[in-house]
Each structure stands twice: as structure tokens, then as C-alpha cells.
């Protein structure tokens, strides 16, 4: 990695490449950025889906369970040291190139130190974690996975500049190259090794590939620096980001810990598979929207604050339509989808997936509402809300798993994310008066349309027995009927979609 100190006369492209989209109006940049991100997410999810199907045929549920147990400690230590460093670059306005450059180098240096500390802590935790789960193999797997954090810490901070500008074309090609290369390596390893080490080594190689490519796709070259003003700004935002990261870890990983500890590796493997399937719509739609809307809301708040309510309402309407529409086929055909694609030994995953389908709109809408607070530079509301949700999730998790087994963990998620939606709506009303009742009314139509679609598609399945026709026909009906009802009922929705695609 070539590192050099930039001078005052450095050309603009060494600091942050000036893209064509950076000078476009905000609406066009949002549309362009979202298109690139959704394309990237769709292709990435498709590739990961093929990877899951192939790996599920090559490896055992116990292998995925061991891998999931190893990741719990890596994710925990990442959460406990998370400061949201790159968010400060996106959320803040910089008056000079020197100020931005100092901030970039400080964020990169602080992140690198953090990654080194995490790597050492992960290695030290291997023995107690292996004793906790009763799996001696974790003594070796966990320290090796710790290097993932160190490799990620070396990634080029220049990619954050593209997100700040809402310019995602290069990020699309970067993520595509990383995903394709990483998945090809992992599948090849699974064909040869046929055990959990294919997943472990595959993750390490994928992370290394992404770090190398980050320097290929952006010309910025960070250097070690700890500028005081930049560091204070990072720490100021970081105290809330740390709370959010810990709370997010609880809601994302505590279920894995409890399922693995109480029910074993096979149950955890099934649960992880179902969770990954249910998370696909969130990864494609919500994370893409959130990544684009974060800088867009920040720009609206400083330049056009009166347009904020209209933007939030439009995003909520379209997102709720898509997510409630996706819930219906996944809820109706969960068992059929898992059996058709992954085989009979993953039966438990189908039962869990049906419950996790209900989490999709709850989790998705709560995350999108959180993006509003981030864009307005109000992370405190998100921190308070997610702490409350994590506490409720922890309280519900153990009794529900004890009573209902692996599906109990999914029901705990439904409860936690339902609370998250309510909390975000109440908090947002303090910023935009009257928005809560408006968004609540908007959400009623997708719920009714999803119910009608569920009844109609469910009735049609009573005439079908073979798996493939059930999945194809039932999936089409369950998706098309709710979407058609919503388009017929909402003139605003039709107009917004026409505006978008025009």
C-alpha cells in the first residue's frame, strides 16, 4: 500500500475524485445513487443466494452453526468499540480541503487502531467462548477470524467521499468485484474442504480482496494522523454511535448466542439460514435507501428544511408498499421455499422464516425512520430508542426460546421491532409535528392489501401440491395482488412512481 503526504497543491482527484453526479441536483443524485445501490444490492443478494444454496448442499448445518458462534464474539467486540467514524464525514460540512483531508486521515488512523485492538481482544476471548459453547474447535477458529477486523481497518477511507457526494457508480463496481471474487473463492474452498474452514478462510480472503480493491477504485491515499479538532468531532458523535452499535449488536446477535447455547449448532444453522433469507429485502431496499437518504436528508435540512416532511412521507409510502408486498409470499411459502432450494435437512429454517417474514416491514421502516435522525444530526433519539428495544428483546428472548424453541427467537424479534416502529414514530413527531398520524394512516393501506393478497394466494395453493408450481404461482399471486390493490387505491403512489421512472 503506497502512502504519501499530500501537499497544498495536490490536484482535486487525489483528495476526492470529482464525479459527474456531484454537481447534479439533489433529486437526480438520489435517483442515480439509489439505482446504483439497488442494482448492487440485487446482484449481491443474487450471488449470495446462489452461494447459500451451493454451500448448503456442500456443508452441514453444524458447520454454519460453528461459524455463527465464532462471529458472535467478533461482532460483539466490533459493537463495543464502534464509534461511527465515517458518519462524521458524511454528516458534517467542511469549509476547506485541508479540513476534509485532516478529518479523513484522522478517521482512518483511529479506525486502524481500533481494528488492531479488536484483533487482539478476539484472540484473547477464544478460550472462554469455546468453553461457553462447549466447542473446542472455536479455540482455533476465533483467533483467525479476528484478523478480519484488522484487514477491514486498512480499507481506503476514500470510498466514504463517494457516499458523501451521493455518487455510487464506482461503489457499485467495487462491491460487485468484491462479492463475485469472494463468493467464488468461498465456494471453491467448500468444494475442496467440505467443512467449516471453507467459511472461515473464505471470509478472510473476501475481506482482503475488498481492502485491496478499495485502493484500486479510489485514488485517495490515507496516512497516519490524529488531528485534534477532527478527533473531537469524531468522539462527540461517537458516544451516541457506540450506544447504538451495542444495542444493535444485542438485537442482531443475542438471538444467535441464545439459540446456539440452548439449542445447539444445528438449530443455530437453521436459524441463521432463515435470518439471512429474511434479511435480503432489508439489504436490497432499506440499506440502499438509508445510504442514499442519510446525506440527502442532511443536505435538505441545511438548504431546504421545508421539503423534509414531503421527502419523509414519500419514502415511507413507497417503502411500506414494497415491504408489505414482499412479506406475503415469504410468509405464505416459507416452508416450500426452504425445502425446494435447500433440501429436507433444513426443515426448521422454514418454520422460523415464516415468523421472520413479519419482521421485514417492522425492521425496515424503523431503520428508514432512524435515517431521518442521522440526517438531521440527532443520533441521541436513535440511541435511546435502540437501547430500549435491545432491553425488551433480551427480556423476551429466553422465555420465548424455552417455550417455542428456535421460532421463539424470531417472535422476540417481532416484539422488539414493533416497539422500534412505535418509538421512532413518537420521536419523529417532536421534530416534524403531525407526521406520526400521517405515517400511521399511510401504513394502513399496505397492511390491508397484504391481508387480501394472503387470503387470495392462500386459497389458490389449496389446489397445488408439487413444490415448484406452488412456489411460482403462489409467489406471483401473493406479490401481484397486494401491489395492484395499492396502485389502484393511491393516486399519489402512482404519480411518484411515474415521476421516478420518467
Protein backbone atom coordinates (compact mmCIF):
# COMPACT_ATOMS: atom_id res chain seq x y z
CA UNK A 1 0.00 0.00 0.00
CA UNK A 2 1.55 3.25 -1.13
CA UNK A 3 1.06 6.10 1.36
CA UNK A 4 2.22 9.66 0.81
CA UNK A 5 1.68 13.06 2.39
CA UNK A 6 -0.41 15.32 0.20
CA UNK A 7 0.66 18.93 -0.30
CA UNK A 8 -1.33 22.12 -0.70
CA UNK A 9 -1.04 21.86 -4.48
CA UNK A 10 -2.37 18.32 -4.73
CA UNK A 11 -4.93 18.02 -7.55
CA UNK A 12 -8.57 17.53 -6.61
CA UNK A 13 -8.68 13.93 -7.72
CA UNK A 14 -6.12 12.94 -5.05
CA UNK A 15 -8.46 14.16 -2.35
CA UNK A 16 -11.76 13.00 -3.72
CA UNK A 17 -12.45 12.33 -7.34
CA UNK A 18 -14.90 14.85 -8.74
CA UNK A 19 -17.70 12.81 -10.25
CA UNK A 20 -20.25 13.84 -12.83
CA UNK A 21 -23.11 13.28 -10.39
CA UNK A 22 -21.60 15.51 -7.68
CA UNK A 23 -22.85 18.66 -9.45
CA UNK A 24 -26.33 17.35 -10.28
CA UNK A 25 -29.49 18.49 -8.40
CA UNK A 26 -30.26 16.55 -5.23
CA UNK A 27 -33.27 14.70 -6.69
CA UNK A 28 -31.23 13.38 -9.61
CA UNK A 29 -28.36 12.38 -7.34
CA UNK A 30 -30.77 10.48 -5.07
CA UNK A 31 -32.31 8.71 -8.05
CA UNK A 32 -28.93 7.87 -9.56
CA UNK A 33 -27.44 6.78 -6.23
CA UNK A 34 -30.42 4.65 -5.30
CA UNK A 35 -30.43 3.00 -8.73
CA UNK A 36 -26.75 2.10 -8.44
CA UNK A 37 -27.13 0.86 -4.88
CA UNK A 38 -30.23 -1.24 -5.56
CA UNK A 39 -28.54 -2.74 -8.60
CA UNK A 40 -25.50 -3.55 -6.48
CA UNK A 41 -27.62 -5.00 -3.67
CA UNK A 42 -29.79 -7.07 -6.01
CA UNK A 43 -26.81 -8.55 -7.79
CA UNK A 44 -25.02 -9.07 -4.48
CA UNK A 45 -28.02 -10.79 -2.91
CA UNK A 46 -28.49 -12.96 -6.01
CA UNK A 47 -24.85 -14.02 -5.86
CA UNK A 48 -25.05 -14.64 -2.11
CA UNK A 49 -28.29 -16.58 -2.63
CA UNK A 50 -26.61 -18.88 -5.14
CA UNK A 51 -23.69 -19.18 -2.72
CA UNK A 52 -26.07 -20.17 0.12
CA UNK A 53 -27.76 -22.82 -1.99
CA UNK A 54 -24.44 -24.28 -3.10
CA UNK A 55 -22.86 -24.18 0.36
CA UNK A 56 -25.98 -25.66 1.97
CA UNK A 57 -25.55 -28.65 -0.33
CA UNK A 58 -21.82 -28.97 0.38
CA UNK A 59 -21.72 -28.25 4.12
CA UNK A 60 -23.74 -29.31 7.16
CA UNK A 61 -25.94 -27.14 9.41
CA UNK A 62 -23.37 -27.80 12.16
CA UNK A 63 -20.68 -26.07 10.05
CA UNK A 64 -22.82 -22.96 9.72
CA UNK A 65 -23.59 -23.15 13.42
CA UNK A 66 -19.89 -23.20 14.36
CA UNK A 67 -19.24 -20.30 12.02
CA UNK A 68 -22.11 -18.34 13.55
CA UNK A 69 -20.80 -18.97 17.07
CA UNK A 70 -17.39 -17.64 16.04
CA UNK A 71 -18.86 -14.49 14.55
CA UNK A 72 -20.77 -13.62 17.73
CA UNK A 73 -17.61 -12.57 19.59
CA UNK A 74 -16.15 -10.74 16.57
CA UNK A 75 -19.40 -8.81 16.14
CA UNK A 76 -19.60 -8.12 19.90
CA UNK A 77 -16.17 -6.54 20.08
CA UNK A 78 -16.84 -4.52 16.94
CA UNK A 79 -20.03 -3.21 18.55
CA UNK A 80 -18.33 -2.40 21.85
CA UNK A 81 -15.72 -0.27 20.08
CA UNK A 82 -17.90 1.21 17.33
CA UNK A 83 -17.64 5.00 17.04
CA UNK A 84 -19.30 5.52 13.64
CA UNK A 85 -16.19 7.27 12.45
CA UNK A 86 -17.10 7.60 8.78
CA UNK A 87 -20.54 9.01 9.62
CA UNK A 88 -18.89 12.24 10.76
CA UNK A 89 -17.51 12.73 7.25
CA UNK A 90 -20.94 12.34 5.67
CA UNK A 91 -22.88 14.34 8.26
CA UNK A 92 -20.59 17.38 8.54
CA UNK A 93 -19.79 20.20 6.15
CA UNK A 94 -16.10 21.05 5.63
CA UNK A 95 -15.04 24.56 4.66
CA UNK A 96 -11.64 23.70 3.16
CA UNK A 97 -9.89 20.79 1.51
CA UNK A 98 -7.33 20.80 4.31
CA UNK A 99 -10.06 20.35 6.92
CA UNK A 100 -11.58 17.45 4.99
CA UNK A 101 -8.17 15.86 4.42
CA UNK A 102 -7.29 16.08 8.13
CA UNK A 103 -10.63 14.54 9.03
CA UNK A 104 -10.22 11.68 6.56
CA UNK A 105 -6.75 10.79 7.82
CA UNK A 106 -7.79 11.03 11.47
CA UNK A 107 -10.82 8.80 10.93
CA UNK A 108 -8.72 6.25 9.04
CA UNK A 109 -5.99 6.24 11.71
CA UNK A 110 -8.43 5.93 14.61
CA UNK A 111 -10.20 3.10 12.79
CA UNK A 112 -6.93 1.28 12.22
CA UNK A 113 -6.00 1.47 15.92
CA UNK A 114 -9.48 0.25 16.83
CA UNK A 115 -9.16 -2.70 14.42
CA UNK A 116 -5.83 -3.74 15.93
CA UNK A 117 -7.30 -3.68 19.44
CA UNK A 118 -10.28 -5.78 18.30
CA UNK A 119 -7.97 -8.37 16.72
CA UNK A 120 -6.07 -8.80 19.99
CA UNK A 121 -9.25 -8.96 22.09
CA UNK A 122 -10.82 -11.55 19.78
CA UNK A 123 -7.77 -13.78 20.12
CA UNK A 124 -7.86 -13.45 23.91
CA UNK A 125 -11.55 -14.40 24.03
CA UNK A 126 -11.19 -17.70 22.15
CA UNK A 127 -10.79 -19.97 25.18
CA UNK A 128 -13.71 -18.66 27.30
CA UNK A 129 -16.02 -18.59 24.27
CA UNK A 130 -15.16 -22.20 23.34
CA UNK A 131 -15.89 -23.21 26.94
CA UNK A 132 -19.20 -21.30 26.88
CA UNK A 133 -20.43 -23.12 23.78
CA UNK A 134 -18.70 -26.42 24.56
CA UNK A 135 -16.99 -26.44 21.14
CA UNK A 136 -13.16 -26.95 21.27
CA UNK A 137 -12.77 -26.04 17.57
CA UNK A 138 -13.56 -22.42 18.42
CA UNK A 139 -10.16 -22.16 20.14
CA UNK A 140 -8.57 -22.03 16.69
CA UNK A 141 -11.37 -20.55 14.55
CA UNK A 142 -11.97 -17.42 16.64
CA UNK A 143 -8.37 -16.03 16.66
CA UNK A 144 -8.12 -16.47 12.89
CA UNK A 145 -11.42 -14.65 12.33
CA UNK A 146 -10.06 -11.81 14.46
CA UNK A 147 -7.83 -10.79 11.55
CA UNK A 148 -10.95 -9.82 9.60
CA UNK A 149 -11.21 -6.64 11.69
CA UNK A 150 -7.55 -5.73 11.15
CA UNK A 151 -7.83 -6.19 7.38
CA UNK A 152 -11.01 -4.09 7.29
CA UNK A 153 -9.21 -1.34 9.21
CA UNK A 154 -6.78 -0.94 6.32
CA UNK A 155 -9.57 -0.23 3.80
CA UNK A 156 -9.31 3.03 1.85
CA UNK A 157 -11.26 5.84 3.56
CA UNK A 158 -11.61 7.50 0.15
CA UNK A 159 -14.71 5.42 -0.59
CA UNK A 160 -16.58 7.48 2.03
CA UNK A 161 -16.19 10.54 -0.18
CA UNK A 162 -18.27 8.86 -2.86
CA UNK A 163 -21.07 8.23 -0.35
CA UNK A 164 -20.92 11.82 0.87
CA UNK A 165 -21.41 13.07 -2.70
CA UNK A 166 -24.27 10.57 -3.27
CA UNK A 167 -22.17 9.18 -6.11
CA UNK A 168 -22.38 5.40 -6.14
CA UNK A 169 -21.35 4.21 -9.60
CA UNK A 170 -17.81 3.31 -8.56
CA UNK A 171 -19.08 1.76 -5.31
CA UNK A 172 -21.33 -0.46 -7.44
CA UNK A 173 -18.39 -1.85 -9.41
CA UNK A 174 -16.26 -2.12 -6.28
CA UNK A 175 -18.88 -4.15 -4.40
CA UNK A 176 -19.63 -6.28 -7.43
CA UNK A 177 -15.96 -7.20 -7.91
CA UNK A 178 -15.56 -7.93 -4.19
CA UNK A 179 -18.71 -10.06 -3.97
CA UNK A 180 -18.05 -12.08 -7.10
CA UNK A 181 -14.43 -12.71 -6.21
CA UNK A 182 -15.14 -13.52 -2.57
CA UNK A 183 -18.00 -15.88 -3.25
CA UNK A 184 -16.07 -17.71 -5.96
CA UNK A 185 -13.22 -18.24 -3.50
CA UNK A 186 -15.55 -19.47 -0.74
CA UNK A 187 -17.41 -21.95 -2.96
CA UNK A 188 -14.12 -23.28 -4.33
CA UNK A 189 -12.87 -23.80 -0.78
CA UNK A 190 -16.10 -25.58 0.19
CA UNK A 191 -15.79 -27.97 -2.76
CA UNK A 192 -12.28 -28.92 -1.63
CA UNK A 193 -12.51 -28.76 2.18
CA UNK A 194 -16.17 -29.69 2.94
CA UNK A 195 -16.06 -28.25 6.49
CA UNK A 196 -16.35 -25.01 8.49
CA UNK A 197 -12.86 -23.88 7.45
CA UNK A 198 -14.16 -23.10 3.98
CA UNK A 199 -16.37 -20.39 5.55
CA UNK A 200 -13.59 -19.07 7.79
CA UNK A 201 -10.88 -18.82 5.13
CA UNK A 202 -13.41 -17.60 2.58
CA UNK A 203 -14.36 -14.64 4.81
CA UNK A 204 -10.71 -13.72 5.34
CA UNK A 205 -9.92 -13.82 1.61
CA UNK A 206 -13.07 -11.82 0.76
CA UNK A 207 -12.14 -9.11 3.27
CA UNK A 208 -8.57 -8.95 1.94
CA UNK A 209 -9.85 -8.68 -1.62
CA UNK A 210 -12.18 -5.82 -0.67
CA UNK A 211 -9.37 -3.92 1.03
CA UNK A 212 -7.03 -4.25 -1.96
CA UNK A 213 -9.75 -3.20 -4.40
CA UNK A 214 -10.64 -0.13 -2.29
CA UNK A 215 -7.28 1.35 -3.34
CA UNK A 216 -7.89 0.42 -6.95
CA UNK A 217 -11.30 2.11 -7.07
CA UNK A 218 -10.35 5.39 -5.35
CA UNK A 219 -7.16 7.44 -5.70
CA UNK A 220 -7.13 8.81 -2.16
CA UNK A 221 -4.20 7.55 -0.06
CA UNK A 222 -4.65 7.92 3.71
CA UNK A 223 -1.81 8.45 6.14
CA UNK A 224 -1.46 8.11 9.91
CA UNK A 225 -2.63 11.33 11.57
CA UNK A 226 -4.52 12.37 14.70
CA UNK A 227 -5.71 15.96 14.21
CA UNK A 228 -7.24 17.33 17.44
CA UNK A 229 -10.29 19.14 16.03
CA UNK A 230 -11.23 16.20 13.81
CA UNK A 231 -10.73 13.77 16.69
CA UNK A 232 -13.00 15.80 18.99
CA UNK A 233 -15.71 15.87 16.33
CA UNK A 234 -15.44 12.10 15.89
CA UNK A 235 -15.68 11.47 19.64
CA UNK A 236 -18.65 13.84 20.00
CA UNK A 237 -20.73 11.81 17.56
CA UNK A 238 -19.06 8.57 18.58
CA UNK A 239 -20.51 8.43 22.09
CA UNK A 240 -24.01 8.02 20.65
CA UNK A 241 -22.84 5.72 17.88
CA UNK A 242 -21.24 3.45 20.47
CA UNK A 243 -24.55 3.08 22.34
CA UNK A 244 -26.36 2.43 19.06
CA UNK A 245 -23.79 -0.16 17.99
CA UNK A 246 -24.03 -2.07 21.28
CA UNK A 247 -27.84 -2.02 21.16
CA UNK A 248 -27.79 -3.12 17.51
CA UNK A 249 -25.47 -5.98 18.41
CA UNK A 250 -27.93 -7.17 21.05
CA UNK A 251 -30.89 -7.15 18.64
CA UNK A 252 -28.84 -8.75 15.83
CA UNK A 253 -26.70 -11.28 17.70
CA UNK A 254 -28.21 -12.08 21.10
CA UNK A 255 -30.63 -14.47 19.41
CA UNK A 256 -27.70 -16.31 17.81
CA UNK A 257 -25.96 -16.59 21.18
CA UNK A 258 -29.06 -17.88 22.96
CA UNK A 259 -30.07 -20.31 20.21
CA UNK A 260 -26.53 -21.69 19.96
CA UNK A 261 -26.17 -22.03 23.73
CA UNK A 262 -29.60 -23.50 24.45
CA UNK A 263 -30.39 -25.48 21.28
CA UNK A 264 -27.01 -26.36 19.69
CA UNK A 265 -25.21 -25.91 16.39
CA UNK A 266 -27.85 -27.49 14.14
CA UNK A 267 -30.61 -25.21 15.44
CA UNK A 268 -28.34 -22.18 15.05
CA UNK A 269 -27.50 -23.20 11.48
CA UNK A 270 -31.21 -23.39 10.60
CA UNK A 271 -31.94 -20.10 12.34
CA UNK A 272 -29.05 -18.35 10.56
CA UNK A 273 -30.27 -19.56 7.17
CA UNK A 274 -33.79 -18.27 7.80
CA UNK A 275 -32.49 -14.96 9.13
CA UNK A 276 -30.29 -14.45 6.07
CA UNK A 277 -33.23 -15.05 3.71
CA UNK A 278 -35.47 -12.65 5.64
CA UNK A 279 -32.70 -10.04 5.70
CA UNK A 280 -32.34 -9.97 1.91
CA UNK A 281 -35.14 -7.40 1.33
CA UNK A 282 -33.65 -5.23 4.08
CA UNK A 283 -30.21 -5.41 2.46
CA UNK A 284 -31.53 -4.59 -1.02
CA UNK A 285 -34.10 -1.90 -0.27
CA UNK A 286 -33.60 -0.43 3.19
CA UNK A 287 -29.81 -0.29 3.38
CA UNK A 288 -29.68 1.12 -0.15
CA UNK A 289 -32.26 3.78 0.67
CA UNK A 290 -30.64 4.56 4.01
CA UNK A 291 -27.20 5.01 2.47
CA UNK A 292 -28.58 7.49 -0.08
CA UNK A 293 -31.04 9.25 2.23
CA UNK A 294 -28.55 9.92 5.03
CA UNK A 295 -26.58 12.56 3.07
CA UNK A 296 -29.76 13.66 1.25
CA UNK A 297 -31.61 14.44 4.50
CA UNK A 298 -28.52 16.25 5.78
CA UNK A 299 -28.49 18.43 2.64
CA UNK A 300 -32.24 19.06 2.80
CA UNK A 301 -32.02 20.06 6.45
CA UNK A 302 -29.41 22.73 5.73
CA UNK A 303 -30.69 24.02 2.38
CA UNK A 304 -34.42 23.18 2.04
CA UNK A 305 -35.86 22.31 5.50
CA UNK A 306 -39.47 22.86 4.40
CA UNK A 307 -39.18 19.97 1.93
CA UNK A 308 -38.18 17.48 4.64
CA UNK A 309 -41.71 16.36 5.58
CA UNK A 310 -42.66 15.71 1.96
CA UNK A 311 -39.49 13.67 1.42
CA UNK A 312 -40.04 11.56 4.55
CA UNK A 313 -43.68 10.91 3.63
CA UNK A 314 -42.82 9.87 0.08
CA UNK A 315 -40.07 7.49 1.21
CA UNK A 316 -42.29 5.93 3.88
CA UNK A 317 -45.18 5.39 1.44
CA UNK A 318 -43.15 3.69 -1.28
CA UNK A 319 -41.03 1.64 1.15
CA UNK A 320 -44.04 0.38 3.13
CA UNK A 321 -45.77 -0.68 -0.10
CA UNK A 322 -42.76 -2.70 -1.24
CA UNK A 323 -42.02 -4.30 2.13
CA UNK A 324 -45.59 -5.33 2.99
CA UNK A 325 -45.92 -6.73 -0.52
CA UNK A 326 -42.78 -8.84 -0.04
CA UNK A 327 -43.98 -10.20 3.29
CA UNK A 328 -46.94 -12.06 1.78
CA UNK A 329 -45.14 -14.62 -0.45
CA UNK A 330 -42.39 -15.17 2.12
CA UNK A 331 -44.89 -15.78 4.94
CA UNK A 332 -47.11 -17.99 2.80
CA UNK A 333 -44.40 -20.10 1.14
CA UNK A 334 -41.57 -20.13 3.71
CA UNK A 335 -41.52 -23.90 4.18
CA UNK A 336 -41.88 -24.61 0.46
CA UNK A 337 -39.08 -22.21 -0.48
CA UNK A 338 -36.62 -23.70 2.01
CA UNK A 339 -37.45 -27.30 1.09
CA UNK A 340 -37.23 -26.62 -2.65
CA UNK A 341 -33.93 -24.74 -2.55
CA UNK A 342 -32.02 -26.16 0.39
CA UNK A 343 -33.34 -29.68 0.97
CA UNK A 344 -35.10 -31.63 3.69
CA UNK A 345 -32.44 -31.28 6.41
CA UNK A 346 -33.23 -27.55 6.68
CA UNK A 347 -36.89 -28.03 7.62
CA UNK A 348 -36.66 -26.00 10.83
CA UNK A 349 -35.48 -22.98 8.85
CA UNK A 350 -38.83 -22.86 7.02
CA UNK A 351 -40.77 -22.56 10.29
CA UNK A 352 -38.50 -19.78 11.51
CA UNK A 353 -38.65 -17.95 8.19
CA UNK A 354 -42.44 -17.66 8.37
CA UNK A 355 -42.18 -15.71 11.62
CA UNK A 356 -39.17 -13.67 10.49
CA UNK A 357 -41.15 -12.56 7.44
CA UNK A 358 -43.23 -10.43 9.82
CA UNK A 359 -40.05 -8.67 10.96
CA UNK A 360 -39.28 -7.33 7.46
CA UNK A 361 -41.63 -4.29 7.42
CA UNK A 362 -41.13 -3.58 11.13
CA UNK A 363 -37.34 -3.63 10.95
CA UNK A 364 -37.21 -1.92 7.57
CA UNK A 365 -39.44 1.01 8.47
CA UNK A 366 -37.73 1.57 11.82
CA UNK A 367 -34.34 1.70 10.09
CA UNK A 368 -35.61 4.17 7.48
CA UNK A 369 -37.03 6.42 10.19
CA UNK A 370 -33.70 6.25 12.02
CA UNK A 371 -32.05 7.61 8.88
CA UNK A 372 -34.04 10.83 9.32
CA UNK A 373 -32.47 11.38 12.75
CA UNK A 374 -28.98 10.66 11.38
CA UNK A 375 -29.50 13.10 8.53
CA UNK A 376 -30.62 15.80 10.98
CA UNK A 377 -27.56 15.06 13.13
CA UNK A 378 -29.72 13.85 16.06
CA UNK A 379 -28.26 10.45 16.96
CA UNK A 380 -29.43 10.71 20.59
CA UNK A 381 -33.01 9.76 19.64
CA UNK A 382 -31.76 6.66 17.82
CA UNK A 383 -29.50 5.71 20.75
CA UNK A 384 -32.31 5.96 23.31
CA UNK A 385 -34.75 4.04 21.12
CA UNK A 386 -32.41 1.20 20.25
CA UNK A 387 -31.35 0.78 23.88
CA UNK A 388 -34.98 0.34 24.89
CA UNK A 389 -35.59 -2.15 22.06
CA UNK A 390 -32.49 -4.17 22.96
CA UNK A 391 -33.65 -4.40 26.57
CA UNK A 392 -37.10 -5.66 25.52
CA UNK A 393 -35.51 -8.14 23.11
CA UNK A 394 -33.28 -9.57 25.84
CA UNK A 395 -36.18 -9.88 28.28
CA UNK A 396 -38.36 -11.69 25.72
CA UNK A 397 -35.67 -13.92 24.22
CA UNK A 398 -35.04 -16.56 26.89
CA UNK A 399 -38.67 -17.35 27.84
CA UNK A 400 -39.77 -17.49 24.20
CA UNK A 401 -36.92 -19.81 23.17
CA UNK A 402 -37.66 -22.01 26.19
CA UNK A 403 -41.35 -22.16 25.30
CA UNK A 404 -41.26 -22.34 21.47
CA UNK A 405 -37.73 -23.43 20.57
CA UNK A 406 -35.98 -21.79 17.64
CA UNK A 407 -39.13 -19.97 16.46
CA UNK A 408 -39.30 -18.26 19.85
CA UNK A 409 -36.21 -16.24 18.94
CA UNK A 410 -38.00 -15.00 15.82
CA UNK A 411 -41.05 -13.94 17.86
CA UNK A 412 -38.78 -11.96 20.18
CA UNK A 413 -37.59 -10.08 17.09
CA UNK A 414 -41.17 -9.29 16.07
CA UNK A 415 -41.84 -7.79 19.51
CA UNK A 416 -38.62 -5.74 19.56
CA UNK A 417 -39.03 -4.26 16.08
CA UNK A 418 -42.72 -3.49 16.63
CA UNK A 419 -41.63 -1.42 19.61
CA UNK A 420 -38.93 0.17 17.42
CA UNK A 421 -41.51 1.41 14.91
CA UNK A 422 -43.69 2.93 17.63
CA UNK A 423 -40.70 4.59 19.27
CA UNK A 424 -39.45 6.14 16.01
CA UNK A 425 -42.90 7.47 15.13
CA UNK A 426 -43.29 9.16 18.52
CA UNK A 427 -39.77 10.63 18.42
CA UNK A 428 -40.19 11.90 14.85
CA UNK A 429 -43.37 13.73 15.78
CA UNK A 430 -41.30 16.01 18.03
CA UNK A 431 -39.20 17.05 15.04
CA UNK A 432 -41.95 17.18 12.40
CA UNK A 433 -45.27 17.88 14.21
CA UNK A 434 -48.19 15.82 12.92
CA UNK A 435 -46.04 13.35 10.98
CA UNK A 436 -46.94 10.40 13.25
CA UNK A 437 -50.64 10.34 12.42
CA UNK A 438 -49.90 10.84 8.73
CA UNK A 439 -47.45 7.91 8.57
CA UNK A 440 -49.79 5.71 10.60
CA UNK A 441 -52.62 6.33 8.12
CA UNK A 442 -50.27 5.59 5.24
CA UNK A 443 -49.31 2.21 6.75
CA UNK A 444 -52.95 1.00 6.95
CA UNK A 445 -53.35 0.57 3.19
CA UNK A 446 -50.34 -1.76 2.75
CA UNK A 447 -51.49 -3.86 5.72
CA UNK A 448 -54.99 -4.30 4.24
CA UNK A 449 -53.60 -5.03 0.77
CA UNK A 450 -51.21 -7.63 2.21
CA UNK A 451 -54.08 -9.31 4.05
CA UNK A 452 -56.17 -9.56 0.87
CA UNK A 453 -53.21 -10.92 -1.07
CA UNK A 454 -52.52 -13.50 1.63
CA UNK A 455 -56.11 -14.80 1.56
CA UNK A 456 -56.29 -14.93 -2.25
CA UNK A 457 -52.92 -16.60 -2.75
CA UNK A 458 -53.52 -18.99 0.15
CA UNK A 459 -56.79 -20.13 -1.41
CA UNK A 460 -55.07 -20.85 -4.73
CA UNK A 461 -52.43 -23.03 -3.05
CA UNK A 462 -55.07 -25.49 -1.86
CA UNK A 463 -55.24 -26.74 -5.47
CA UNK A 464 -51.49 -27.21 -5.87
CA UNK A 465 -49.34 -30.00 -4.41
CA UNK A 466 -45.94 -30.03 -6.28
CA UNK A 467 -43.39 -27.67 -4.75
CA UNK A 468 -42.26 -25.82 -7.86
CA UNK A 469 -45.77 -24.81 -9.10
CA UNK A 470 -46.71 -23.79 -5.55
CA UNK A 471 -43.70 -21.51 -5.22
CA UNK A 472 -44.03 -19.97 -8.69
CA UNK A 473 -47.80 -19.49 -8.90
CA UNK A 474 -48.33 -18.76 -5.21
CA UNK A 475 -45.41 -16.33 -5.17
CA UNK A 476 -46.68 -14.43 -8.21
CA UNK A 477 -50.23 -14.11 -6.85
CA UNK A 478 -49.05 -13.14 -3.37
CA UNK A 479 -46.85 -10.40 -4.82
CA UNK A 480 -49.02 -9.04 -7.64
CA UNK A 481 -52.37 -8.82 -5.78
CA UNK A 482 -51.23 -6.51 -2.90
CA UNK A 483 -49.19 -4.34 -5.29
CA UNK A 484 -52.14 -3.96 -7.68
CA UNK A 485 -54.52 -3.03 -4.85
CA UNK A 486 -52.15 -0.35 -3.56
CA UNK A 487 -51.61 1.15 -7.00
CA UNK A 488 -55.35 1.31 -7.58
CA UNK A 489 -56.05 2.94 -4.21
CA UNK A 490 -53.25 5.53 -4.10
CA UNK A 491 -53.05 8.25 -6.74
CA UNK A 492 -50.01 9.74 -5.00
CA UNK A 493 -48.19 6.43 -5.22
CA UNK A 494 -48.91 6.14 -8.94
CA UNK A 495 -47.70 9.70 -9.52
CA UNK A 496 -44.48 9.22 -7.54
CA UNK A 497 -43.64 6.01 -9.36
CA UNK A 498 -44.26 7.67 -12.74
CA UNK A 499 -42.03 10.60 -11.68
CA UNK A 500 -39.28 8.22 -10.57
CA UNK A 501 -39.19 6.11 -13.71
CA UNK A 502 -39.60 9.07 -16.02
